[in-house]
Amino acid sequence: MKSGVNALLSAATNERPGSPKFQVGEASAESDVDFEAKTFFDFRLDPEKTRYEPIDSVDLRITYRNEGDIKDAITFNINLPAMLRTSDTVFVRAQPPSNAYVSTETTDRIIVVADDSVIADNRDREILIRFKFRITAASATVSSFSIAMVSECSRDSTAEKEFGVDLADLLAVTKSVFPNRVNPGDTINYTITLRRMLERQTLDSVIVVDNLDPGIAEILDVNPPLWSRDGNQTLRWLLLDFTETERQITFKAVIRADYYPAIVSNSRDACQGASLQNFVRGDPQQNEPNPPKQEIPEGVIGNNFSAATTSINPIGDVLRLGSVVITNLNGSSRVLPGDVLRFTVDFANVNTFAPSQFFTVCDTLPDRNYVSAPFDINQARAVYDPVTHVIRLDSLNFAPGEAGSLTFNVRVRDDIQICDDVPLMNKALLKLINGLDCNAANNALDTLLTITDPQT
């Protein structure tokens, strides 16, 4: 800097760190003296490699030198690439010893202050900071390292260098399930196997995130215990000190008994069968473990991600109209005018795992000109409609394997005049209400009733 006498006097009476010191009278008004700091810096990574592995540690060496006439206070703003982090204790060393120190440290920046008290001696000085690579960021194969020098008395400057990191296979995750073909309501067994791939690299911790299918109703026998969970949909484990070659996580899952139709309500899919898929991801950690913000991101590749698929058997046949039996109560095989006939309609939920099904039994009686309204009905809730000549039993709810029947009597009218046999048809039908059935053909049955001419 250029200064006259007045400025020199001011400098002598208002000292600040980094200012030159003079005695009054050392310079005249005509004096024109240059005093300035000329600080230069550079940095390198040690060891210097063209490619690093995520299991490496690396030293950042900042070299600086003041070639000027006055001391300089310098701040280095170090912007960290995503794949680097400081070790648990920031390691800073200055050579030769000085009062360099870290003033600020965040996840992506370190600020180092080097306030040297030595007036420029044209001597190299060095600040060393040790880092480790962040193994979860190994997918970023190329990155840059930038440092900005902010000087109190010389020009600011920046330096930037690019370096690469080799992808290292640190962890392999596989998930298996047994059995792989089940019915709704069954229990399945999951095994998650985690294998450490590099012998010389132990893992401080591994976070395992398992995203389960919504068809899972309950989780049982979890080993080791969970770190956290979101209901039955997301399970998380924190595995600390992963030094062994392999670890396993096991648990059981109960499939919802109402998988059809609560999860799969489409008849076509229910009749073809469904797939229950579960996804797991393992994240190696080198510092304080934090759950990933996104559980299973789209496009995850590599062997840190695995899926297990279980086939859900199709729902198959559910309701079945077993038979409609018409019996003449007088014991005769012939049906004549005036006879009393008993109708027995048998039905069942023949499925072994389908949940309770709501359905209606409808029986359209033979022609009302020949057959009376029903009576002696065994089901109190059954309703007869005289307009349609239909007897109904509504809102039945049968569990798998449950069966039932509707019985009633009718009388063949005795005031009819017939000259030949009269064939009549009884139509029985099971109507499913908001349910699934993959075989509707056996939900209806037509039964022939023939009234015989008494003269034959």
Protein backbone atom coordinates (compact mmCIF):
# COMPACT_ATOMS: atom_id res chain seq x y z
CA MET A 1 0.00 0.00 0.00
CA LYS A 2 1.18 3.60 -0.65
CA SER A 3 1.14 6.10 2.19
CA GLY A 4 2.37 9.60 3.12
CA VAL A 5 3.49 10.87 6.51
CA ASN A 6 0.00 11.49 7.81
CA ALA A 7 -0.97 7.96 6.94
CA LEU A 8 2.18 6.60 8.57
CA LEU A 9 1.43 8.52 11.73
CA SER A 10 -2.08 7.20 11.69
CA ALA A 11 -0.76 3.68 11.23
CA ALA A 12 1.62 4.15 14.13
CA THR A 13 -1.12 5.29 16.49
CA ASN A 14 -3.96 3.01 15.36
CA GLU A 15 -2.40 -0.38 15.11
CA ARG A 16 -4.28 -3.43 13.98
CA PRO A 17 -3.07 -6.96 13.35
CA GLY A 18 -1.34 -7.09 10.01
CA SER A 19 -0.40 -3.36 9.96
CA PRO A 20 3.26 -2.26 9.61
CA LYS A 21 4.78 -0.54 12.63
CA PHE A 22 6.78 2.70 12.28
CA GLN A 23 8.25 5.37 14.52
CA VAL A 24 7.20 8.98 13.98
CA GLY A 25 9.74 10.79 11.90
CA GLU A 26 11.09 7.74 10.10
CA ALA A 27 9.66 9.00 6.82
CA SER A 28 9.28 12.47 5.42
CA ALA A 29 6.34 13.95 3.62
CA GLU A 30 8.08 13.19 0.38
CA SER A 31 8.52 9.50 1.26
CA ASP A 32 6.66 6.99 -0.89
CA VAL A 33 6.96 3.50 0.66
CA ASP A 34 5.25 0.28 -0.60
CA PHE A 35 4.07 -2.24 1.98
CA GLU A 36 1.79 -5.11 0.96
CA ALA A 37 1.01 -8.74 1.58
CA LYS A 38 1.39 -11.17 -1.30
CA THR A 39 -0.11 -14.46 -0.22
CA PHE A 40 -0.33 -17.35 -2.64
CA PHE A 41 -1.82 -20.79 -2.03
CA ASP A 42 -2.38 -24.15 -3.62
CA PHE A 43 -3.68 -27.50 -2.41
CA ARG A 44 -3.39 -31.19 -3.16
CA LEU A 45 -4.84 -34.47 -2.00
CA ASP A 46 -2.50 -36.88 -0.30
CA PRO A 47 -2.08 -39.58 -1.42
CA GLU A 48 -2.49 -38.31 -4.94
CA LYS A 49 -4.36 -40.82 -7.10
CA THR A 50 -6.22 -40.68 -10.34
CA ARG A 51 -8.97 -42.73 -8.72
CA TYR A 52 -9.92 -43.30 -5.10
CA GLU A 53 -11.96 -46.02 -3.47
CA PRO A 54 -14.70 -45.17 -0.99
CA ILE A 55 -12.80 -47.04 1.71
CA ASP A 56 -9.82 -44.67 1.44
CA SER A 57 -9.00 -41.76 3.67
CA VAL A 58 -7.35 -38.71 2.19
CA ASP A 59 -5.44 -35.71 3.49
CA LEU A 60 -6.11 -32.25 2.15
CA ARG A 61 -2.87 -30.25 2.21
CA ILE A 62 -3.20 -26.49 1.72
CA THR A 63 0.13 -24.80 1.06
CA TYR A 64 0.39 -21.02 1.29
CA ARG A 65 3.18 -18.44 1.32
CA ASN A 66 3.31 -14.70 1.96
CA GLU A 67 5.91 -13.05 -0.24
CA GLY A 68 4.95 -9.54 0.76
CA ASP A 69 6.12 -7.08 3.41
CA ILE A 70 3.38 -7.37 6.05
CA LYS A 71 1.60 -10.16 7.79
CA ASP A 72 -1.71 -11.36 6.45
CA ALA A 73 -4.85 -12.87 8.01
CA ILE A 74 -6.26 -15.54 5.72
CA THR A 75 -9.48 -17.53 5.67
CA PHE A 76 -9.87 -20.66 3.56
CA ASN A 77 -13.43 -21.53 2.55
CA ILE A 78 -13.33 -25.23 1.69
CA ASN A 79 -16.31 -26.57 -0.24
CA LEU A 80 -16.57 -30.32 0.19
CA PRO A 81 -17.83 -32.60 -2.56
CA ALA A 82 -20.69 -34.90 -1.62
CA MET A 83 -18.49 -37.96 -1.37
CA LEU A 84 -16.15 -36.53 1.28
CA ARG A 85 -16.71 -36.01 4.94
CA THR A 86 -14.56 -35.10 7.90
CA SER A 87 -13.58 -37.83 10.29
CA ASP A 88 -15.34 -38.01 13.63
CA THR A 89 -12.84 -35.50 15.03
CA VAL A 90 -11.69 -32.89 12.52
CA PHE A 91 -7.96 -33.32 12.20
CA VAL A 92 -6.21 -30.03 11.51
CA ARG A 93 -2.48 -29.49 11.71
CA ALA A 94 -0.46 -26.45 10.72
CA GLN A 95 3.22 -26.58 9.72
CA PRO A 96 5.11 -24.76 11.01
CA PRO A 97 2.93 -24.47 14.12
CA SER A 98 0.62 -21.48 14.06
CA ASN A 99 -2.79 -20.52 15.32
CA ALA A 100 -4.70 -21.98 12.36
CA TYR A 101 -8.05 -23.32 13.47
CA VAL A 102 -11.44 -24.42 12.15
CA SER A 103 -14.01 -21.69 12.70
CA THR A 104 -16.98 -23.33 10.99
CA GLU A 105 -17.80 -26.88 10.01
CA THR A 106 -20.95 -28.04 8.22
CA THR A 107 -21.78 -31.10 6.16
CA ASP A 108 -20.52 -29.49 2.97
CA ARG A 109 -18.15 -26.72 4.07
CA ILE A 110 -15.20 -26.11 6.38
CA ILE A 111 -13.81 -22.65 7.11
CA VAL A 112 -10.21 -22.52 8.35
CA VAL A 113 -8.67 -19.32 9.69
CA ALA A 114 -4.89 -18.89 9.43
CA ASP A 115 -3.98 -15.68 11.32
CA ASP A 116 -0.19 -15.77 11.08
CA SER A 117 1.75 -13.36 13.24
CA VAL A 118 4.96 -13.75 11.26
CA ILE A 119 5.71 -10.91 8.88
CA ALA A 120 6.16 -12.24 5.40
CA ASP A 121 9.17 -14.51 5.34
CA ASN A 122 8.58 -16.13 1.95
CA ARG A 123 8.25 -19.45 3.73
CA ASP A 124 5.89 -22.26 2.80
CA ARG A 125 3.26 -23.00 5.39
CA GLU A 126 0.84 -25.90 5.35
CA ILE A 127 -2.54 -26.75 6.82
CA LEU A 128 -3.53 -30.40 6.79
CA ILE A 129 -7.10 -31.70 7.16
CA ARG A 130 -7.93 -35.39 7.07
CA PHE A 131 -11.06 -36.73 5.39
CA LYS A 132 -12.71 -40.04 4.76
CA PHE A 133 -14.78 -40.84 1.73
CA ARG A 134 -18.49 -41.18 2.29
CA ILE A 135 -19.24 -44.67 1.05
CA THR A 136 -22.94 -44.01 0.44
CA ALA A 137 -21.97 -41.45 -2.18
CA ALA A 138 -19.79 -43.81 -4.18
CA SER A 139 -22.15 -43.55 -7.12
CA ALA A 140 -20.73 -40.08 -7.85
CA THR A 141 -17.66 -41.20 -9.75
CA VAL A 142 -16.23 -37.76 -10.55
CA SER A 143 -16.28 -34.70 -8.36
CA SER A 144 -14.49 -31.41 -7.83
CA PHE A 145 -12.85 -29.95 -4.76
CA SER A 146 -12.77 -26.14 -4.51
CA ILE A 147 -11.13 -23.78 -2.02
CA ALA A 148 -11.49 -20.01 -1.86
CA MET A 149 -8.87 -17.94 -0.05
CA VAL A 150 -10.13 -14.71 1.49
CA SER A 151 -7.27 -12.42 2.48
CA GLU A 152 -7.23 -9.33 4.62
CA CYS A 153 -4.32 -7.68 2.86
CA SER A 154 -3.78 -9.42 -0.47
CA ARG A 155 -5.89 -10.49 -3.38
CA ASP A 156 -8.48 -13.20 -2.89
CA SER A 157 -8.07 -16.28 -5.03
CA THR A 158 -9.64 -19.66 -5.64
CA ALA A 159 -8.39 -23.08 -6.67
CA GLU A 160 -10.33 -26.10 -7.87
CA LYS A 161 -9.34 -29.65 -8.72
CA GLU A 162 -11.26 -32.58 -10.08
CA PHE A 163 -10.80 -36.14 -8.91
CA GLY A 164 -12.54 -39.46 -9.32
CA VAL A 165 -13.81 -42.19 -7.05
CA ASP A 166 -14.07 -45.81 -8.07
CA LEU A 167 -17.32 -47.58 -7.43
CA ALA A 168 -16.72 -50.13 -4.73
CA ASP A 169 -19.05 -53.02 -4.10
CA LEU A 170 -19.44 -52.71 -0.35
CA LEU A 171 -22.68 -54.54 0.36
CA ALA A 172 -24.88 -57.13 -1.30
CA VAL A 173 -28.50 -57.56 -0.22
CA THR A 174 -30.76 -60.47 -1.09
CA LYS A 175 -34.27 -61.22 0.10
CA SER A 176 -35.98 -64.60 -0.04
CA VAL A 177 -39.44 -65.84 0.89
CA PHE A 178 -40.86 -69.24 1.78
CA PRO A 179 -43.24 -70.57 0.66
CA ASN A 180 -43.52 -68.67 -2.59
CA ARG A 181 -47.11 -69.72 -3.37
CA VAL A 182 -49.76 -69.19 -0.71
CA ASN A 183 -53.40 -68.47 0.01
CA PRO A 184 -54.79 -65.34 1.67
CA GLY A 185 -54.52 -65.71 5.44
CA ASP A 186 -51.33 -67.80 5.24
CA THR A 187 -48.07 -66.93 7.01
CA ILE A 188 -44.87 -66.54 5.02
CA ASN A 189 -41.23 -66.37 6.14
CA TYR A 190 -38.83 -63.69 4.93
CA THR A 191 -35.04 -63.78 5.13
CA ILE A 192 -32.87 -60.76 4.30
CA THR A 193 -29.20 -61.61 3.82
CA LEU A 194 -26.58 -58.85 3.89
CA ARG A 195 -23.05 -59.67 2.77
CA ARG A 196 -20.05 -57.38 3.28
CA MET A 197 -18.15 -57.49 0.00
CA LEU A 198 -14.76 -55.93 0.89
CA GLU A 199 -12.72 -57.84 3.43
CA ARG A 200 -10.62 -54.84 4.44
CA GLN A 201 -13.59 -52.52 4.89
CA THR A 202 -15.81 -52.94 7.92
CA LEU A 203 -19.01 -50.95 8.03
CA ASP A 204 -19.84 -48.68 10.95
CA SER A 205 -23.50 -49.42 10.37
CA VAL A 206 -26.01 -50.52 7.78
CA ILE A 207 -29.55 -49.20 7.51
CA VAL A 208 -31.98 -51.74 6.08
CA VAL A 209 -35.34 -50.50 4.78
CA ASP A 210 -38.00 -53.04 3.83
CA ASN A 211 -41.10 -51.85 1.99
CA LEU A 212 -43.92 -54.36 2.33
CA ASP A 213 -46.93 -55.04 0.16
CA PRO A 214 -50.23 -53.61 1.49
CA GLY A 215 -51.52 -57.16 1.49
CA ILE A 216 -49.54 -57.84 4.68
CA ALA A 217 -51.77 -57.84 7.75
CA GLU A 218 -49.30 -58.57 10.56
CA ILE A 219 -45.57 -58.87 11.24
CA LEU A 220 -44.32 -61.56 13.64
CA ASP A 221 -41.07 -62.91 15.12
CA VAL A 222 -38.77 -60.10 13.95
CA ASN A 223 -35.06 -60.81 14.50
CA PRO A 224 -33.11 -58.64 15.17
CA PRO A 225 -35.51 -56.07 16.65
CA LEU A 226 -36.69 -53.23 14.47
CA TRP A 227 -35.15 -49.76 14.60
CA SER A 228 -38.40 -48.14 13.48
CA ARG A 229 -41.51 -48.96 11.49
CA ASP A 230 -44.47 -47.37 9.74
CA GLY A 231 -47.26 -49.80 10.52
CA ASN A 232 -46.87 -52.94 8.44
CA GLN A 233 -45.73 -51.05 5.35
CA THR A 234 -42.14 -49.98 6.11
CA LEU A 235 -39.70 -51.74 8.43
CA ARG A 236 -36.25 -50.39 9.31
CA TRP A 237 -33.26 -51.99 10.99
CA LEU A 238 -30.03 -50.38 12.14
CA LEU A 239 -27.15 -52.86 12.13
CA LEU A 240 -24.14 -51.50 14.00
CA ASP A 241 -20.49 -52.58 13.77
CA PHE A 242 -20.89 -54.72 10.69
CA THR A 243 -17.57 -56.56 10.94
CA GLU A 244 -18.65 -60.09 10.04
CA THR A 245 -18.96 -61.28 6.46
CA GLU A 246 -22.69 -61.88 6.55
CA ARG A 247 -25.76 -61.05 8.62
CA GLN A 248 -29.36 -62.12 8.33
CA ILE A 249 -32.70 -60.56 9.22
CA THR A 250 -35.73 -62.81 9.56
CA PHE A 251 -39.41 -62.16 10.17
CA LYS A 252 -42.82 -63.62 9.43
CA ALA A 253 -45.69 -61.91 7.68
CA VAL A 254 -49.38 -62.82 7.72
CA ILE A 255 -51.22 -62.17 4.46
CA ARG A 256 -54.57 -60.47 4.80
CA ALA A 257 -57.40 -62.99 4.84
CA ASP A 258 -59.46 -60.52 2.83
CA TYR A 259 -56.75 -60.07 0.19
CA TYR A 260 -59.59 -60.73 -2.23
CA PRO A 261 -61.35 -58.33 -2.60
CA ALA A 262 -59.80 -55.78 -0.15
CA ILE A 263 -56.49 -55.58 -2.04
CA VAL A 264 -57.43 -57.11 -5.38
CA SER A 265 -61.02 -56.30 -6.26
CA ASN A 266 -60.83 -56.91 -9.99
CA SER A 267 -62.49 -60.21 -10.90
CA ARG A 268 -60.10 -60.90 -13.76
CA ASP A 269 -57.00 -60.47 -11.58
CA ALA A 270 -58.53 -62.40 -8.70
CA CYS A 271 -59.28 -65.32 -10.99
CA GLN A 272 -55.78 -65.29 -12.49
CA GLY A 273 -53.96 -64.94 -9.19
CA ALA A 274 -51.96 -62.05 -7.77
CA SER A 275 -48.36 -61.32 -6.83
CA LEU A 276 -47.34 -59.96 -3.46
CA GLN A 277 -44.06 -58.03 -3.82
CA ASN A 278 -41.73 -56.76 -1.12
CA PHE A 279 -38.63 -54.62 -1.65
CA VAL A 280 -35.59 -54.20 0.58
CA ARG A 281 -32.64 -51.85 0.41
CA GLY A 282 -29.41 -51.70 2.40
CA ASP A 283 -27.47 -48.45 2.93
CA PRO A 284 -23.92 -48.69 4.30
CA GLN A 285 -23.06 -45.86 6.69
CA GLN A 286 -19.78 -44.40 7.92
CA ASN A 287 -21.13 -41.73 10.21
CA GLU A 288 -24.24 -41.10 12.25
CA PRO A 289 -26.98 -43.21 10.67
CA ASN A 290 -29.95 -41.40 9.19
CA PRO A 291 -32.88 -43.07 7.45
CA PRO A 292 -32.95 -42.30 3.74
CA LYS A 293 -35.54 -39.69 2.87
CA GLN A 294 -36.84 -41.82 0.03
CA GLU A 295 -37.38 -45.41 1.01
CA ILE A 296 -37.01 -47.15 -2.35
CA PRO A 297 -36.16 -44.56 -5.01
CA GLU A 298 -37.03 -45.20 -8.60
CA GLY A 299 -34.19 -46.53 -10.69
CA VAL A 300 -32.27 -48.11 -7.82
CA ILE A 301 -29.77 -50.51 -9.32
CA GLY A 302 -27.00 -52.71 -8.05
CA ASN A 303 -26.96 -55.38 -5.42
CA ASN A 304 -27.92 -53.14 -2.49
CA PHE A 305 -31.52 -53.64 -3.55
CA SER A 306 -33.54 -56.83 -3.66
CA ALA A 307 -37.12 -57.96 -4.08
CA ALA A 308 -39.06 -61.07 -3.10
CA THR A 309 -42.27 -62.11 -4.82
CA THR A 310 -44.98 -64.37 -3.46
CA SER A 311 -47.71 -65.74 -5.69
CA ILE A 312 -51.22 -65.56 -4.26
CA ASN A 313 -53.39 -68.40 -5.47
CA PRO A 314 -56.43 -67.30 -7.49
CA ILE A 315 -59.66 -67.12 -5.61
CA GLY A 316 -61.26 -69.91 -7.63
CA ASP A 317 -64.79 -71.18 -7.05
CA VAL A 318 -66.63 -69.52 -4.15
CA LEU A 319 -70.40 -70.00 -4.21
CA ARG A 320 -72.00 -73.15 -5.45
CA LEU A 321 -75.68 -74.02 -5.86
CA GLY A 322 -75.47 -77.69 -5.02
CA SER A 323 -78.92 -78.98 -5.95
CA VAL A 324 -82.63 -78.30 -6.04
CA VAL A 325 -84.59 -81.37 -4.95
CA ILE A 326 -88.38 -81.55 -5.43
CA THR A 327 -90.06 -84.20 -3.33
CA ASN A 328 -93.70 -85.25 -3.44
CA LEU A 329 -94.77 -85.51 0.19
CA ASN A 330 -97.25 -88.32 -0.61
CA GLY A 331 -94.29 -90.47 -1.59
CA SER A 332 -95.30 -90.83 -5.20
CA SER A 333 -92.91 -90.30 -8.04
CA ARG A 334 -95.74 -88.75 -10.04
CA VAL A 335 -96.95 -85.20 -9.47
CA LEU A 336 -100.70 -84.79 -9.68
CA PRO A 337 -103.04 -81.86 -9.12
CA GLY A 338 -103.49 -81.31 -5.38
CA ASP A 339 -100.12 -82.81 -4.38
CA VAL A 340 -97.87 -81.01 -1.88
CA LEU A 341 -94.26 -80.71 -3.01
CA ARG A 342 -91.20 -79.89 -0.91
CA PHE A 343 -88.42 -77.86 -2.52
CA THR A 344 -84.90 -78.08 -1.05
CA VAL A 345 -82.30 -75.63 -2.38
CA ASP A 346 -78.73 -76.41 -1.19
CA PHE A 347 -75.90 -73.86 -1.41
CA ALA A 348 -72.43 -73.32 0.07
CA ASN A 349 -69.23 -71.29 0.10
CA VAL A 350 -66.94 -74.00 -1.26
CA ASN A 351 -63.75 -71.92 -1.10
CA THR A 352 -61.09 -72.75 1.48
CA PHE A 353 -59.73 -69.23 2.05
CA ALA A 354 -62.06 -66.65 0.50
CA PRO A 355 -63.57 -64.40 3.15
CA SER A 356 -67.22 -64.40 4.04
CA GLN A 357 -69.35 -63.65 1.02
CA PHE A 358 -72.64 -61.78 1.03
CA PHE A 359 -75.14 -63.27 -1.37
CA THR A 360 -78.84 -63.75 -2.04
CA VAL A 361 -80.74 -66.94 -2.83
CA CYS A 362 -83.52 -66.44 -5.38
CA ASP A 363 -85.95 -69.15 -6.45
CA THR A 364 -88.42 -68.43 -9.23
CA LEU A 365 -91.23 -70.92 -8.75
CA PRO A 366 -92.96 -72.77 -11.58
CA ASP A 367 -95.91 -71.13 -13.32
CA ARG A 368 -98.34 -69.66 -10.76
CA ASN A 369 -101.25 -71.03 -12.80
CA TYR A 370 -100.21 -74.48 -11.61
CA VAL A 371 -98.25 -73.97 -8.36
CA SER A 372 -99.32 -72.08 -5.23
CA ALA A 373 -97.34 -69.63 -3.13
CA PRO A 374 -94.74 -71.23 -0.84
CA PHE A 375 -95.49 -72.12 2.76
CA ASP A 376 -93.74 -73.89 5.66
CA ILE A 377 -90.52 -71.99 4.84
CA ASN A 378 -87.53 -73.00 7.00
CA GLN A 379 -85.84 -69.57 6.86
CA ALA A 380 -87.65 -66.86 8.80
CA ARG A 381 -85.94 -64.13 6.78
CA ALA A 382 -87.12 -65.52 3.46
CA VAL A 383 -89.55 -63.26 1.59
CA TYR A 384 -92.05 -64.23 -1.10
CA ASP A 385 -93.06 -61.75 -3.81
CA PRO A 386 -96.51 -62.68 -5.19
CA VAL A 387 -96.05 -60.43 -8.21
CA THR A 388 -92.91 -62.12 -9.50
CA HIS A 389 -93.67 -65.50 -7.86
CA VAL A 390 -90.13 -65.45 -6.41
CA ILE A 391 -88.96 -66.45 -2.94
CA ARG A 392 -85.77 -64.67 -1.76
CA LEU A 393 -83.32 -65.10 1.07
CA ASP A 394 -81.24 -61.92 1.25
CA SER A 395 -77.83 -60.92 2.68
CA LEU A 396 -76.47 -64.30 3.62
CA ASN A 397 -72.86 -64.19 4.80
CA PHE A 398 -71.02 -67.50 4.58
CA ALA A 399 -67.48 -68.17 5.68
CA PRO A 400 -65.29 -70.61 3.71
CA GLY A 401 -66.76 -74.10 3.88
CA GLU A 402 -70.10 -72.97 5.31
CA ALA A 403 -73.25 -74.47 3.78
CA GLY A 404 -76.99 -73.91 4.08
CA SER A 405 -80.36 -74.65 2.52
CA LEU A 406 -83.72 -73.08 1.81
CA THR A 407 -86.73 -75.38 2.05
CA PHE A 408 -90.39 -74.67 1.48
CA ASN A 409 -93.58 -76.39 0.35
CA VAL A 410 -95.90 -75.60 -2.53
CA ARG A 411 -99.21 -77.13 -3.53
CA VAL A 412 -100.12 -78.11 -7.06
CA ARG A 413 -103.45 -76.52 -7.75
CA ASP A 414 -106.28 -79.03 -7.79
CA ASP A 415 -108.61 -76.89 -9.90
CA ILE A 416 -106.55 -77.13 -13.05
CA GLN A 417 -107.73 -79.02 -16.09
CA ILE A 418 -104.99 -80.78 -18.04
CA CYS A 419 -105.25 -83.19 -20.92
CA ASP A 420 -101.58 -84.06 -21.12
CA ASP A 421 -98.42 -83.88 -18.99
CA VAL A 422 -97.41 -80.29 -18.20
CA PRO A 423 -93.65 -79.57 -17.98
CA LEU A 424 -92.77 -76.69 -15.65
CA MET A 425 -89.40 -75.14 -14.75
CA ASN A 426 -88.07 -74.03 -11.37
CA LYS A 427 -85.17 -71.56 -11.55
CA ALA A 428 -82.81 -71.18 -8.58
CA LEU A 429 -80.01 -68.58 -8.49
CA LEU A 430 -77.26 -67.39 -6.13
CA LYS A 431 -76.50 -63.68 -6.51
CA LEU A 432 -73.12 -62.54 -5.15
CA ILE A 433 -73.14 -59.07 -3.56
CA ASN A 434 -69.88 -57.11 -3.98
CA GLY A 435 -67.79 -60.24 -4.03
CA LEU A 436 -65.60 -62.32 -6.28
CA ASP A 437 -66.34 -65.74 -7.71
CA CYS A 438 -64.36 -67.30 -10.52
CA ASN A 439 -67.00 -69.89 -11.39
CA ALA A 440 -70.44 -68.37 -11.78
CA ALA A 441 -71.69 -71.28 -13.89
CA ASN A 442 -72.64 -73.31 -10.81
CA ASN A 443 -74.52 -70.42 -9.22
CA ALA A 444 -77.71 -71.16 -11.17
CA LEU A 445 -79.76 -74.31 -11.61
CA ASP A 446 -82.94 -75.07 -13.57
CA THR A 447 -85.06 -78.01 -12.38
CA LEU A 448 -87.82 -79.60 -14.42
CA LEU A 449 -91.17 -80.33 -12.77
CA THR A 450 -93.79 -82.30 -14.70
CA ILE A 451 -97.44 -82.42 -13.66
CA THR A 452 -98.96 -85.66 -14.86
CA ASP A 453 -102.39 -86.03 -16.42
CA PRO A 454 -104.42 -87.98 -13.83
CA GLN A 455 -106.14 -89.89 -16.65
CA THR A 456 -102.92 -91.48 -17.89
